[in-house]
């Protein structure tokens, strides 16, 4: 009997824990947010109840790489539930993809950074 894929199991593949302070921009307003995990296609952040994280809404994020560099990405809010918000990256260029891969590898090798 073939096993069925659970949608949550599918979403968890390729995600790494990444407790990082990031910036989220909605309507050109900067919000200090906290990332919980990431993959090459999206991130999960902690919800701010005072912010309109309406699914389908577009935003921008800036993920720090080091003291002087960050990854800046266009993102789309895909879900909001239980104090968390899921964002995906609908369009990602090669440079940003490479930087995300490096960040993912760094998180796998040293989760506290």
Foldseek 3Di string as FASTA:
>chain_A
DDDDDDVVNVVPPQKFFAFAWKWKAAPNDTDTWTWGIDGLWWTKTFDDVVDPLDAQGKIWMWGDPDDPHTQIAIWTWHDDDDRMTIITGPDDDPVSSVSVVVVSVCCVVPVVD
